Protein backbone atom coordinates (compact mmCIF):
# COMPACT_ATOMS: atom_id res chain seq x y z
CA MET A 1 -26.30 -79.81 -140.76
CA ARG A 2 -23.23 -78.26 -139.26
CA PRO A 3 -21.65 -80.85 -136.92
CA SER A 4 -21.23 -80.07 -133.29
CA LEU A 5 -20.23 -81.21 -129.86
CA ARG A 6 -21.16 -77.72 -128.69
CA THR A 7 -19.46 -77.28 -125.37
CA LEU A 8 -17.69 -74.43 -123.73
CA SER A 9 -15.03 -74.93 -121.10
CA LEU A 10 -13.60 -72.92 -118.26
CA LEU A 11 -10.24 -73.99 -116.87
CA ALA A 12 -8.56 -72.68 -113.77
CA ILE A 13 -4.80 -72.96 -114.21
CA PRO A 14 -1.63 -71.26 -112.93
CA ALA A 15 -1.70 -67.54 -113.51
CA LEU A 16 0.74 -64.98 -114.70
CA THR A 17 -0.46 -61.88 -112.89
CA THR A 18 -1.68 -61.12 -109.39
CA LEU A 19 -5.06 -59.98 -108.16
CA ALA A 20 -4.46 -58.06 -104.94
CA LEU A 21 -6.08 -59.50 -101.84
CA SER A 22 -6.33 -57.52 -98.64
CA VAL A 23 -7.56 -57.99 -95.09
CA ALA A 24 -9.18 -54.99 -93.42
CA CYS A 25 -8.41 -54.61 -89.71
CA GLY A 26 -10.16 -52.28 -87.27
CA GLY A 27 -8.64 -50.47 -84.27
CA SER A 28 -8.22 -47.16 -82.48
CA SER A 29 -6.35 -44.24 -83.96
CA SER A 30 -3.35 -44.99 -81.74
CA THR A 31 -3.17 -48.72 -82.46
CA SER A 32 -2.53 -50.52 -85.71
CA VAL A 33 -2.53 -54.21 -86.43
CA THR A 34 -0.47 -55.69 -89.24
CA PRO A 35 -2.68 -58.08 -91.19
CA THR A 36 -1.52 -61.65 -91.53
CA PRO A 37 -0.52 -62.28 -95.17
CA VAL A 38 -2.87 -64.56 -97.03
CA ALA A 39 -1.13 -67.44 -98.80
CA THR A 40 -2.28 -67.57 -102.40
CA GLY A 41 -1.92 -69.68 -105.50
CA ALA A 42 -2.05 -68.60 -109.11
CA THR A 43 -5.16 -69.23 -111.21
CA SER A 44 -6.26 -68.41 -114.76
CA ILE A 45 -9.67 -68.62 -116.38
CA ILE A 46 -9.78 -70.07 -119.89
CA LEU A 47 -12.77 -70.60 -122.19
CA THR A 48 -13.17 -73.15 -124.98
CA ASP A 49 -16.08 -74.74 -126.83
CA ALA A 50 -17.20 -76.23 -130.14
CA PRO A 51 -19.43 -75.18 -133.04
CA SER A 52 -23.21 -75.31 -133.09
CA ASP A 53 -25.36 -76.49 -135.96
CA GLN A 54 -28.31 -74.23 -135.10
CA TRP A 55 -26.50 -71.03 -134.16
CA SER A 56 -23.76 -69.04 -135.83
CA ALA A 57 -23.38 -66.87 -132.71
CA ILE A 58 -24.33 -67.12 -129.05
CA GLU A 59 -22.63 -64.05 -127.63
CA VAL A 60 -22.39 -63.26 -123.93
CA VAL A 61 -20.40 -61.00 -121.63
CA VAL A 62 -18.95 -62.84 -118.65
CA THR A 63 -18.93 -60.49 -115.66
CA LYS A 64 -17.79 -62.66 -112.78
CA VAL A 65 -16.26 -66.02 -111.91
CA THR A 66 -15.94 -67.16 -108.31
CA LEU A 67 -14.69 -70.29 -106.57
CA LEU A 68 -16.48 -71.71 -103.51
CA ASN A 69 -14.56 -73.03 -100.53
CA LYS A 70 -15.36 -76.68 -99.87
CA THR A 71 -15.83 -76.32 -96.12
CA ASP A 72 -17.85 -73.11 -96.29
CA HIS A 73 -19.79 -72.14 -99.41
CA THR A 74 -20.40 -68.67 -98.00
CA LYS A 75 -16.75 -68.01 -98.78
CA GLU A 76 -16.70 -67.17 -102.48
CA VAL A 77 -13.34 -66.10 -103.85
CA VAL A 78 -13.41 -63.87 -106.91
CA ALA A 79 -11.22 -65.21 -109.71
CA PHE A 80 -12.51 -62.72 -112.26
CA GLU A 81 -14.74 -59.66 -112.06
CA GLY A 82 -15.29 -57.03 -114.69
CA ALA A 83 -16.80 -57.01 -118.14
CA THR A 84 -15.26 -59.03 -120.93
CA ALA A 85 -15.69 -58.17 -124.52
CA LYS A 86 -18.51 -60.21 -126.03
CA ILE A 87 -17.53 -63.86 -126.33
CA ASN A 88 -19.09 -66.00 -129.04
CA LEU A 89 -19.60 -69.36 -127.35
CA VAL A 90 -20.07 -71.04 -130.73
CA ASP A 91 -16.65 -70.23 -132.13
CA LEU A 92 -14.13 -71.36 -129.54
CA ASP A 93 -13.42 -75.05 -130.05
CA SER A 94 -9.83 -76.28 -130.28
CA VAL A 95 -8.55 -72.94 -128.98
CA GLY A 96 -8.70 -71.35 -125.56
CA GLU A 97 -9.92 -67.89 -124.62
CA LEU A 98 -7.69 -66.60 -121.83
CA LEU A 99 -10.29 -64.68 -119.87
CA ALA A 100 -8.39 -63.52 -116.79
CA THR A 101 -5.64 -64.32 -114.30
CA ALA A 102 -5.68 -64.04 -110.51
CA GLN A 103 -4.15 -65.12 -107.24
CA ILE A 104 -6.62 -66.86 -104.95
CA PRO A 105 -6.20 -68.13 -101.36
CA VAL A 106 -4.74 -71.61 -101.04
CA GLY A 107 -7.34 -74.18 -100.11
CA THR A 108 -9.80 -76.68 -101.49
CA TYR A 109 -12.65 -75.61 -103.74
CA ASP A 110 -15.50 -77.86 -104.83
CA ALA A 111 -17.73 -75.50 -106.80
CA LEU A 112 -17.54 -72.61 -109.21
CA ARG A 113 -20.05 -69.87 -110.05
CA VAL A 114 -20.18 -68.13 -113.43
CA THR A 115 -22.18 -64.94 -113.99
CA ILE A 116 -23.05 -63.30 -117.29
CA ASP A 117 -24.68 -59.99 -118.14
CA PRO A 118 -28.24 -61.00 -119.14
CA THR A 119 -28.64 -57.90 -121.29
CA SER A 120 -25.56 -58.80 -123.31
CA VAL A 121 -26.91 -61.97 -124.93
CA THR A 122 -27.02 -61.94 -128.73
CA LEU A 123 -28.41 -64.90 -130.67
CA VAL A 124 -27.74 -65.32 -134.38
CA MET A 125 -29.27 -68.28 -136.18
CA ALA A 126 -27.23 -70.43 -138.54
CA ASP A 127 -28.86 -68.66 -141.49
CA GLY A 128 -27.61 -65.28 -140.22
CA THR A 129 -30.92 -64.10 -138.73
CA THR A 130 -30.47 -62.22 -135.45
CA VAL A 131 -33.11 -62.88 -132.81
CA PRO A 132 -34.51 -59.51 -131.60
CA SER A 133 -33.36 -58.75 -128.06
CA SER A 134 -37.00 -58.39 -126.99
CA GLN A 135 -37.47 -62.07 -127.79
CA VAL A 136 -34.51 -63.27 -125.68
CA HIS A 137 -35.09 -64.12 -122.01
CA VAL A 138 -32.30 -65.21 -119.66
CA ALA A 139 -33.57 -67.49 -116.89
CA GLY A 140 -30.89 -66.83 -114.29
CA ALA A 141 -27.68 -65.07 -115.22
CA SER A 142 -25.61 -67.00 -112.67
CA VAL A 143 -24.97 -70.73 -112.54
CA LEU A 144 -23.34 -72.80 -109.79
CA VAL A 145 -21.25 -75.73 -110.97
CA GLY A 146 -20.21 -78.52 -108.63
CA LEU A 147 -16.75 -79.92 -109.33
CA SER A 148 -16.67 -83.71 -109.51
CA THR A 149 -13.05 -83.53 -108.38
CA ASP A 150 -11.86 -80.85 -105.99
CA LEU A 151 -9.63 -78.00 -107.08
CA VAL A 152 -6.78 -77.87 -104.59
CA VAL A 153 -4.93 -74.56 -104.85
CA THR A 154 -1.41 -74.47 -103.45
CA ALA A 155 1.17 -71.72 -103.34
CA THR A 156 3.54 -73.54 -105.68
CA GLY A 157 1.54 -76.21 -107.49
CA SER A 158 -0.26 -76.18 -110.83
CA ASN A 159 -4.00 -76.73 -110.95
CA ALA A 160 -6.59 -77.29 -113.66
CA VAL A 161 -10.37 -77.49 -113.55
CA GLN A 162 -12.57 -77.64 -116.63
CA ILE A 163 -16.31 -77.10 -117.01
CA ASP A 164 -18.47 -77.09 -120.12
CA PHE A 165 -21.20 -74.71 -121.18
CA ASP A 166 -23.35 -77.35 -122.82
CA LEU A 167 -24.64 -75.56 -125.92
CA GLY A 168 -25.98 -78.86 -127.24
CA HIS A 169 -28.30 -79.37 -124.28
CA PRO A 170 -31.92 -78.98 -125.48
CA LEU A 171 -32.64 -76.80 -122.46
CA PHE A 172 -29.77 -74.36 -123.03
CA LEU A 173 -31.99 -72.48 -125.46
CA VAL A 174 -35.71 -73.26 -125.50
CA GLN A 175 -38.10 -71.72 -128.00
CA LEU A 176 -41.41 -70.74 -126.44
CA PRO A 177 -44.81 -71.22 -128.09
CA ASN A 178 -44.86 -67.48 -128.95
CA GLY A 179 -41.52 -67.69 -130.78
CA ASP A 180 -39.37 -66.15 -128.03
CA TRP A 181 -36.26 -67.89 -126.71
CA VAL A 182 -35.29 -68.65 -123.10
CA MET A 183 -31.64 -69.21 -122.20
CA ASN A 184 -30.95 -71.62 -119.34
CA LEU A 185 -27.24 -71.88 -118.58
CA GLN A 186 -26.42 -75.59 -118.70
CA VAL A 187 -22.96 -76.15 -117.27
CA LYS A 188 -21.17 -79.29 -116.15
CA HIS A 189 -17.73 -80.21 -114.85
CA ARG A 190 -15.39 -82.21 -117.04
CA PRO A 191 -12.51 -83.80 -115.10
CA ASN A 192 -9.13 -83.22 -116.70
CA ALA A 193 -7.13 -86.37 -116.09
CA ASN A 194 -3.92 -84.99 -117.59
CA GLY A 195 -4.04 -81.71 -115.68
CA MET A 196 -1.54 -79.07 -116.66
CA MET A 197 0.44 -81.34 -118.95
CA THR A 198 -2.20 -80.85 -121.67
CA MET A 199 -1.93 -77.07 -121.60
CA SER A 200 1.10 -77.00 -123.88
CA GLN A 201 -1.06 -78.74 -126.52
CA LEU A 202 -3.77 -76.07 -126.36
CA MET A 203 -3.51 -73.13 -128.73
CA PHE A 204 -5.08 -70.00 -127.29
CA ARG A 205 -7.21 -67.66 -129.31
CA HIS A 206 -5.12 -64.78 -130.58
CA ARG A 207 -5.17 -61.93 -128.08
CA ARG A 208 -5.39 -58.38 -129.34
CA GLY A 209 -4.16 -55.44 -127.26
CA THR A 210 -1.50 -52.84 -126.62
CA ILE A 211 2.08 -53.43 -125.51
CA THR A 212 2.64 -51.63 -122.20
CA SER A 213 6.24 -52.62 -121.37
CA LEU A 214 9.15 -54.77 -122.51
CA GLY A 215 11.86 -56.82 -120.82
CA THR A 216 14.90 -58.49 -122.31
CA SER A 217 12.85 -61.43 -123.57
CA THR A 218 9.31 -60.62 -122.41
CA PHE A 219 6.59 -58.08 -123.02
CA VAL A 220 3.36 -57.17 -121.25
CA LEU A 221 0.21 -57.09 -123.34
CA ARG A 222 -2.79 -55.11 -122.12
CA THR A 223 -5.62 -56.98 -123.83
CA ASP A 224 -8.80 -55.57 -125.27
CA SER A 225 -10.60 -57.27 -122.36
CA GLY A 226 -8.63 -55.20 -119.85
CA ASN A 227 -6.20 -57.87 -118.63
CA SER A 228 -2.41 -57.64 -118.52
CA LEU A 229 -0.54 -60.72 -119.72
CA THR A 230 3.20 -61.30 -119.41
CA VAL A 231 4.36 -62.99 -122.61
CA ASN A 232 7.71 -64.78 -122.90
CA VAL A 233 9.60 -64.79 -126.20
CA SER A 234 11.92 -67.52 -127.44
CA ALA A 235 14.08 -67.73 -130.53
CA GLY A 236 11.35 -69.68 -132.32
CA ALA A 237 8.75 -66.90 -132.15
CA TRP A 238 7.64 -65.38 -135.47
CA PHE A 239 7.02 -61.63 -135.91
CA PHE A 240 5.30 -59.56 -138.59
CA ASP A 241 5.55 -55.77 -138.87
CA ALA A 242 2.10 -54.70 -140.09
CA ASP A 243 3.26 -51.14 -140.78
CA ALA A 244 6.13 -52.19 -143.07
CA LYS A 245 4.23 -55.27 -144.32
CA THR A 246 7.37 -57.37 -143.84
CA PRO A 247 8.58 -59.99 -141.35
CA GLY A 248 9.58 -58.30 -138.11
CA SER A 249 11.45 -59.07 -134.91
CA PHE A 250 11.26 -58.70 -131.14
CA ALA A 251 13.28 -55.52 -131.52
CA GLY A 252 10.39 -53.97 -133.42
CA LEU A 253 8.10 -54.08 -130.39
CA ALA A 254 7.61 -50.92 -128.35
CA ALA A 255 5.33 -49.67 -125.62
CA GLY A 256 2.16 -48.26 -127.12
CA LYS A 257 2.21 -50.40 -130.25
CA ASN A 258 -0.77 -52.56 -131.15
CA ALA A 259 -0.26 -56.31 -131.18
CA LEU A 260 -2.05 -59.52 -132.08
CA VAL A 261 -0.44 -62.48 -130.32
CA SER A 262 -0.73 -66.25 -130.73
CA LEU A 263 0.02 -67.92 -127.39
CA ARG A 264 0.98 -71.24 -125.86
CA MET A 265 0.93 -72.04 -122.15
CA GLN A 266 3.50 -74.31 -120.54
CA ALA A 267 2.82 -76.71 -117.67
CA ASP A 268 4.27 -74.19 -115.21
CA GLY A 269 1.65 -71.63 -116.27
CA THR A 270 3.92 -69.32 -118.28
CA LEU A 271 2.71 -67.89 -121.57
CA TRP A 272 4.95 -67.99 -124.66
CA ALA A 273 4.54 -66.17 -127.96
CA VAL A 274 4.16 -68.28 -131.09
CA ARG A 275 3.36 -65.50 -133.55
CA VAL A 276 3.15 -61.75 -133.06
CA TRP A 277 1.70 -59.17 -135.45
CA TYR A 278 2.45 -55.59 -134.39
CA GLY A 279 2.21 -52.03 -135.61
CA ALA A 280 1.83 -48.40 -134.57
CA ASN A 281 -1.33 -48.23 -136.62
CA ALA A 282 -4.49 -50.19 -135.84
CA LEU A 283 -4.15 -53.81 -136.92
CA PRO A 284 -6.63 -55.35 -139.36
CA GLY A 285 -9.22 -57.72 -137.95
CA TRP A 286 -7.16 -60.81 -138.71
CA THR A 287 -7.68 -63.93 -136.60
CA PRO A 288 -5.91 -66.97 -138.07
CA GLU A 289 -8.16 -69.56 -136.42
CA GLY A 290 -11.77 -70.17 -137.33
CA HIS A 291 -14.36 -72.62 -138.54
CA VAL A 292 -14.73 -73.56 -142.15
CA VAL A 293 -18.16 -72.31 -143.21
CA GLY A 294 -17.78 -73.08 -146.89
CA VAL A 295 -15.52 -74.78 -149.44
CA ASP A 296 -15.41 -73.46 -152.99
CA GLN A 297 -13.54 -76.08 -155.02
CA ALA A 298 -14.36 -74.38 -158.31
CA ASN A 299 -12.44 -71.24 -157.29
CA ASN A 300 -10.03 -72.95 -154.85
CA ARG A 301 -11.16 -71.04 -151.78
CA LEU A 302 -12.05 -71.61 -148.17
CA LEU A 303 -14.55 -69.48 -146.30
CA VAL A 304 -13.47 -69.24 -142.66
CA SER A 305 -15.48 -67.67 -139.83
CA THR A 306 -14.29 -64.53 -138.07
CA ASN A 307 -15.06 -62.72 -134.83
CA ALA A 308 -17.03 -60.19 -136.84
CA GLY A 309 -19.36 -62.92 -138.11
CA VAL A 310 -18.49 -62.24 -141.77
CA PRO A 311 -16.69 -65.18 -143.43
CA ARG A 312 -13.12 -64.55 -144.57
CA ILE A 313 -12.03 -65.69 -148.04
CA ILE A 314 -8.81 -67.72 -148.02
CA THR A 315 -7.33 -68.58 -151.40
CA ILE A 316 -5.70 -72.02 -151.64
CA ASP A 317 -2.64 -72.04 -153.87
CA PRO A 318 -0.86 -75.00 -155.52
CA ASP A 319 1.81 -74.84 -152.78
CA THR A 320 -0.57 -74.59 -149.78
CA ALA A 321 0.36 -77.33 -147.29
CA PHE A 322 -2.41 -79.14 -145.37
CA THR A 323 -1.84 -80.94 -142.06
CA PHE A 324 -4.01 -82.58 -139.41
CA ARG A 325 -3.22 -81.64 -135.81
CA ALA A 326 0.14 -80.34 -137.06
CA SER A 327 1.68 -83.82 -137.25
CA GLN A 328 -0.07 -85.63 -140.13
CA THR A 329 0.37 -84.50 -143.71
CA LEU A 330 -2.78 -84.53 -145.85
CA GLY A 331 -1.14 -83.19 -148.98
CA THR A 332 -0.31 -80.00 -150.82
CA GLY A 333 -2.40 -77.92 -153.14
CA GLN A 334 -5.96 -77.41 -154.20
CA ALA A 335 -6.94 -81.07 -154.56
CA VAL A 336 -6.91 -81.43 -150.76
CA LEU A 337 -10.03 -79.24 -150.61
CA ALA A 338 -12.04 -82.38 -151.44
CA ASN A 339 -11.26 -83.59 -147.91
CA VAL A 340 -12.32 -80.38 -146.15
CA TRP A 341 -15.88 -79.28 -145.39
CA ALA A 342 -17.96 -76.96 -143.22
CA GLY A 343 -17.50 -77.49 -139.50
CA PHE A 344 -13.75 -78.14 -139.55
CA LYS A 345 -11.71 -75.99 -137.18
CA VAL A 346 -8.58 -74.70 -138.89
CA GLN A 347 -5.49 -72.66 -138.16
CA VAL A 348 -4.48 -70.78 -141.30
CA GLU A 349 -1.07 -69.24 -141.87
CA VAL A 350 -1.21 -66.74 -144.69
CA LYS A 351 1.50 -65.35 -146.91
CA ASP A 352 0.48 -61.77 -146.22
CA PRO A 353 -2.26 -60.95 -143.65
CA LEU A 354 -2.81 -57.60 -145.34
CA GLN A 355 -3.43 -59.01 -148.80
CA VAL A 356 -7.02 -59.12 -150.09
CA PRO A 357 -7.97 -61.87 -150.50
CA MET A 358 -5.41 -63.64 -148.35
CA HIS A 359 -3.49 -66.64 -149.71
CA ALA A 360 -2.82 -69.61 -147.45
CA GLN A 361 0.73 -70.74 -146.86
CA SER A 362 -0.54 -73.63 -144.73
CA VAL A 363 -3.80 -74.94 -143.30
CA ASN A 364 -3.65 -77.00 -140.13
CA ILE A 365 -6.90 -78.84 -139.42
CA GLN A 366 -7.18 -78.69 -135.65
CA ARG A 367 -10.44 -80.59 -135.50
CA ALA A 368 -12.16 -82.59 -138.21
CA VAL A 369 -15.83 -83.33 -137.66
CA ASP A 370 -18.86 -84.63 -139.48
CA GLY A 371 -22.43 -84.90 -138.33
CA GLY A 372 -26.09 -84.77 -139.08
CA VAL A 373 -28.81 -87.33 -139.63
CA ILE A 374 -27.39 -90.85 -139.63
CA LYS A 375 -28.81 -92.27 -142.86
CA THR A 376 -27.56 -95.84 -142.57
CA ALA A 377 -25.29 -97.79 -140.25
CA THR A 378 -23.74 -101.24 -140.28
CA ALA A 379 -21.22 -102.98 -138.06
CA SER A 380 -18.38 -101.65 -140.25
CA ALA A 381 -19.38 -98.13 -141.35
CA PHE A 382 -22.11 -95.50 -141.22
CA THR A 383 -23.30 -92.62 -143.39
CA TYR A 384 -24.16 -89.02 -142.54
CA GLN A 385 -26.82 -87.53 -144.80
CA HIS A 386 -26.29 -84.00 -146.10
CA MET A 387 -29.02 -82.04 -147.84
CA LEU A 388 -26.71 -79.60 -149.67
CA ALA A 389 -23.72 -81.89 -150.20
CA ALA A 390 -23.02 -85.50 -150.99
CA ASP A 391 -23.58 -88.02 -148.21
CA ARG A 392 -20.37 -89.06 -146.47
CA THR A 393 -19.61 -92.58 -145.27
CA HIS A 394 -17.02 -93.23 -142.57
CA ALA A 395 -15.51 -96.53 -141.54
CA TYR A 396 -14.99 -97.02 -137.83
CA ALA A 397 -11.47 -96.11 -136.78
CA ASN A 398 -9.29 -98.74 -135.15
CA THR A 399 -10.35 -97.32 -131.79
CA PHE A 400 -14.02 -96.33 -132.06
CA THR A 401 -16.25 -95.30 -129.18
CA TRP A 402 -19.79 -93.98 -129.00
CA TRP A 403 -21.94 -92.44 -126.29
CA TYR A 404 -24.80 -90.04 -125.67
CA LEU A 405 -24.28 -86.29 -125.44
CA GLY A 406 -23.87 -85.33 -121.79
CA PHE A 407 -22.79 -88.81 -120.72
CA PRO A 408 -19.20 -89.24 -121.96
CA GLY A 409 -18.48 -91.63 -119.09
CA LEU A 410 -20.95 -94.17 -120.50
CA THR A 411 -19.03 -95.14 -123.62
CA SER A 412 -19.30 -98.26 -125.74
CA THR A 413 -17.03 -99.77 -128.36
CA ASN A 414 -19.72 -102.09 -129.76
CA SER A 415 -20.34 -100.90 -133.32
CA GLY A 416 -23.20 -103.38 -133.72
CA ASP A 417 -25.14 -101.78 -130.86
CA PHE A 418 -24.40 -98.37 -132.35
CA ALA A 419 -25.83 -99.45 -135.72
CA ALA A 420 -28.94 -100.92 -134.03
CA ALA A 421 -29.67 -97.58 -132.32
CA CYS A 422 -29.55 -95.69 -135.63
CA VAL A 423 -32.82 -97.00 -137.10
CA GLY A 424 -35.24 -94.21 -136.07
CA SER A 425 -38.87 -93.89 -137.14
CA GLY A 426 -40.80 -91.19 -138.98
CA ASP A 427 -39.57 -87.76 -137.91
CA VAL A 428 -37.49 -89.25 -135.13
CA ARG A 429 -34.43 -89.26 -137.36
CA VAL A 430 -31.36 -90.24 -135.39
CA GLN A 431 -28.67 -87.57 -135.31
CA GLY A 432 -25.03 -87.70 -134.33
CA VAL A 433 -21.66 -86.02 -134.55
CA SER A 434 -18.21 -87.53 -134.94
CA ASP A 435 -14.63 -86.52 -134.45
CA LEU A 436 -12.66 -87.81 -137.40
CA VAL A 437 -9.14 -89.18 -137.73
CA TRP A 438 -7.06 -89.19 -140.88
CA ASN A 439 -6.43 -92.58 -142.46
CA GLY A 440 -3.31 -92.17 -144.57
CA GLY A 441 -3.78 -95.60 -146.09
CA ILE A 442 -6.97 -94.59 -147.88
CA SER A 443 -6.33 -90.83 -147.82
CA GLY A 444 -9.68 -90.27 -146.14
CA TRP A 445 -11.42 -89.71 -142.83
CA ASP A 446 -12.46 -92.48 -140.44
CA ALA A 447 -14.79 -91.95 -137.48
CA GLY A 448 -12.97 -92.06 -134.17
CA THR A 449 -16.11 -91.31 -132.18
CA ALA A 450 -19.85 -91.01 -132.60
CA ILE A 451 -22.05 -89.10 -130.19
CA PHE A 452 -25.81 -89.38 -130.33
CA LEU A 453 -27.35 -85.92 -130.23
CA PRO A 454 -30.80 -85.43 -128.72
CA VAL A 455 -33.53 -85.30 -131.35
CA ALA A 456 -35.62 -82.22 -130.50
CA LEU A 457 -39.15 -82.95 -131.69
CA PRO A 458 -41.70 -80.29 -132.67
CA GLN A 459 -43.99 -78.88 -130.04
CA GLY A 460 -46.77 -81.31 -129.25
CA ALA A 461 -48.76 -82.62 -126.32
CA ILE A 462 -48.60 -85.39 -123.78
CA SER A 463 -51.11 -87.93 -125.07
CA SER A 464 -50.62 -90.50 -122.32
CA SER A 465 -49.86 -89.24 -118.82
CA TYR A 466 -46.62 -90.26 -117.16
CA ASN A 467 -46.92 -93.68 -115.54
CA GLY A 468 -44.45 -96.41 -114.75
CA GLY A 469 -41.48 -94.51 -116.20
CA GLN A 470 -43.17 -93.72 -119.54
CA LEU A 471 -45.36 -91.15 -121.23
CA GLY A 472 -46.95 -90.87 -124.63
CA PHE A 473 -46.03 -87.85 -126.78
CA THR A 474 -47.91 -86.81 -129.92
CA PHE A 475 -46.82 -84.20 -132.47
CA ILE A 476 -47.50 -83.21 -136.07
CA ASN A 477 -44.66 -84.46 -138.22
CA SER A 478 -43.24 -83.19 -141.50
CA ALA A 479 -45.83 -85.18 -143.45
CA ALA A 480 -48.56 -83.14 -141.69
CA THR A 481 -49.79 -86.24 -139.91
CA SER A 482 -49.99 -87.08 -136.24
CA GLN A 483 -47.12 -89.17 -134.90
CA THR A 484 -47.05 -90.70 -131.42
CA ILE A 485 -44.06 -92.21 -129.68
CA THR A 486 -43.53 -93.73 -126.26
CA VAL A 487 -40.87 -91.92 -124.26
CA ASN A 488 -39.02 -93.56 -121.37
CA LEU A 489 -37.86 -91.39 -118.43
CA ASN A 490 -34.96 -92.76 -116.41
CA THR A 491 -35.46 -92.24 -112.67
CA THR A 492 -31.93 -93.29 -111.69
CA VAL A 493 -30.11 -90.50 -109.86
CA GLY A 494 -27.51 -89.01 -112.21
CA MET A 495 -29.25 -90.44 -115.26
CA GLN A 496 -32.54 -88.55 -115.09
CA PRO A 497 -33.58 -86.35 -118.01
CA ALA A 498 -33.91 -82.62 -117.48
CA VAL A 499 -37.59 -81.90 -116.85
CA LEU A 500 -38.67 -78.25 -116.70
CA GLU A 501 -41.83 -76.21 -116.46
CA VAL A 502 -41.86 -72.89 -118.34
CA THR A 503 -44.55 -70.60 -116.94
CA ASN A 504 -45.94 -67.39 -118.38
CA GLN A 505 -47.57 -65.15 -115.77
CA SER A 506 -48.77 -61.88 -117.29
CA GLY A 507 -45.78 -61.76 -119.61
CA LEU A 508 -43.23 -62.78 -116.98
CA VAL A 509 -41.52 -65.98 -118.09
CA THR A 510 -40.04 -68.23 -115.40
CA VAL A 511 -38.34 -71.60 -115.65
CA ALA A 512 -38.30 -74.16 -112.86
CA PRO A 513 -37.15 -77.80 -112.73
CA ILE A 514 -39.73 -80.47 -111.99
CA ASP A 515 -38.50 -82.97 -109.40
CA VAL A 516 -38.94 -86.65 -110.18
CA SER A 517 -41.43 -86.88 -107.32
CA ALA A 518 -43.74 -84.48 -109.20
CA TRP A 519 -43.52 -86.05 -112.64
CA ALA A 520 -46.79 -87.95 -112.16
CA THR A 521 -48.69 -84.73 -111.34
CA LYS A 522 -47.03 -82.42 -113.87
CA LEU A 523 -46.52 -84.67 -116.90
CA VAL A 524 -50.17 -85.27 -117.64
CA ALA A 525 -52.29 -85.21 -120.78
CA PRO A 526 -52.93 -82.94 -122.63
CA ALA A 527 -50.12 -80.63 -121.42
CA ARG A 528 -48.42 -78.60 -124.16
CA THR A 529 -44.90 -80.01 -124.30
CA ARG A 530 -41.61 -80.23 -126.13
CA VAL A 531 -39.51 -83.38 -125.92
CA ALA A 532 -35.95 -84.29 -126.92
CA VAL A 533 -35.11 -87.98 -127.13
CA VAL A 534 -32.14 -90.25 -127.76
CA PRO A 535 -32.34 -93.69 -129.44
CA LYS A 536 -31.48 -96.96 -127.76
CA PRO A 537 -30.13 -100.16 -129.37
CA ASP A 538 -33.39 -101.96 -128.52
CA GLY A 539 -35.36 -99.51 -130.68
CA SER A 540 -36.86 -97.51 -127.83
CA TYR A 541 -36.49 -93.79 -127.10
CA SER A 542 -35.34 -92.23 -123.84
CA ALA A 543 -36.10 -88.67 -122.82
CA TYR A 544 -33.14 -86.33 -122.79
CA ALA A 545 -35.27 -83.33 -121.90
CA VAL A 546 -38.96 -82.60 -121.34
CA VAL A 547 -40.35 -79.05 -121.21
CA VAL A 548 -43.95 -78.38 -120.15
CA PHE A 549 -45.49 -75.00 -120.99
CA THR A 550 -48.00 -73.37 -118.65
CA GLY A 551 -49.88 -70.12 -119.25
CA PHE A 552 -49.16 -69.78 -122.97
């Protein structure tokens, strides 16, 4: 199983370019009124996420992002409008996708709306199978996200707001009884306690485009998504001339040349170049960041994902240096490959980006993860089971926390309770994912976190109607026998599971939430149903999501 937290984030932060705002004023031909200038503050839209174990690509085109004024939700301010290039939501963890920049009116905003092009969605399974477009249904291409903390835009201040596209939510993609898939945008706000100060730690996805102008120590990049970014250059920036196939310099840049730029953003919102590849000819499809999709220790190679979906071969040499989050040294050379596996997010610096295959000068592990079925757990360590690789056991890091996906605020540090929740039964095999930390003392990975992932059970039926906060669910398990479990549904506001009804009316598929007040009338035997559950330390199971199918 490929480990995953599977979230995508949008951040609004200080911008670098201006979106013109105007006020139209009426009047006679002999009278003109000068409009009052609208005070604005700078805002950028940034996307991030994490890998998915079920999907190798969930591609969408974002067409619009608006902010809603707190005092009047009829006032929606456009922060981005257009058509981005397709964005793979699966492949953006540990790096940011700078979507757009804008100036928006100063004020307080408490909600954000994101719109995608429903015809743009492409789904590719983890095994590389593309779901036919005729089998993909988008239930609402626009989603409104309430912000748990207000975004206060000022003319001079820096602002940050982050939301997550929750790819791990069982309702984000629901398979219908006929094999089709329905996409329900599941988005939530994630407060950013550190605000803009964390931006300098975020590496942005390399932006590809054309240089349109140059200053004494800046250049403007017109990106392939149609945005213009002003990029600052310091003495520490690194350049590579792709035409000459040699290291380059700022002096080699010129208007009209193609460029691929690695960026950092400072707390004041300015963008700074880290690495720049440039050339008069079209640049190769080289993106240094990606997910490890395979490790070939026999031939000393990494397979790293690319935007094109075809893994890139990276040769590991005896002098390749490995680091974790740029500050911890893991070692040098091919033996370090034993501590790298699929799911890691890496930043690879190569000796020559035009060489085939490329050879790594350095590999920085930006995010180390492990996940899958939790085979065993004790108060001191636990083991992830892997069908195609050896099982991996991780001790709890000095600071270890665990929680349930979607509820990061409800964390626990009790490893005994965590172990008690990992028992499972039959096909309800407890699953989790962990961010790892490097333990230099043992030269291995410890688990810094563990997040219980919902266990999506096969389609079945409600065998005992909902009553008193519980229902009975029966399905055919992998042993071809009937298995029944009791599922608890939390009625507490803010803790309720997602309960939906998917209806098929003459081929038209609609999705509607079922309010808690209607659970007793909708969740009745023998309704065709799918259920996702999470384990509890007392051995019970709580519903994370319940989907009832009608008309299939």
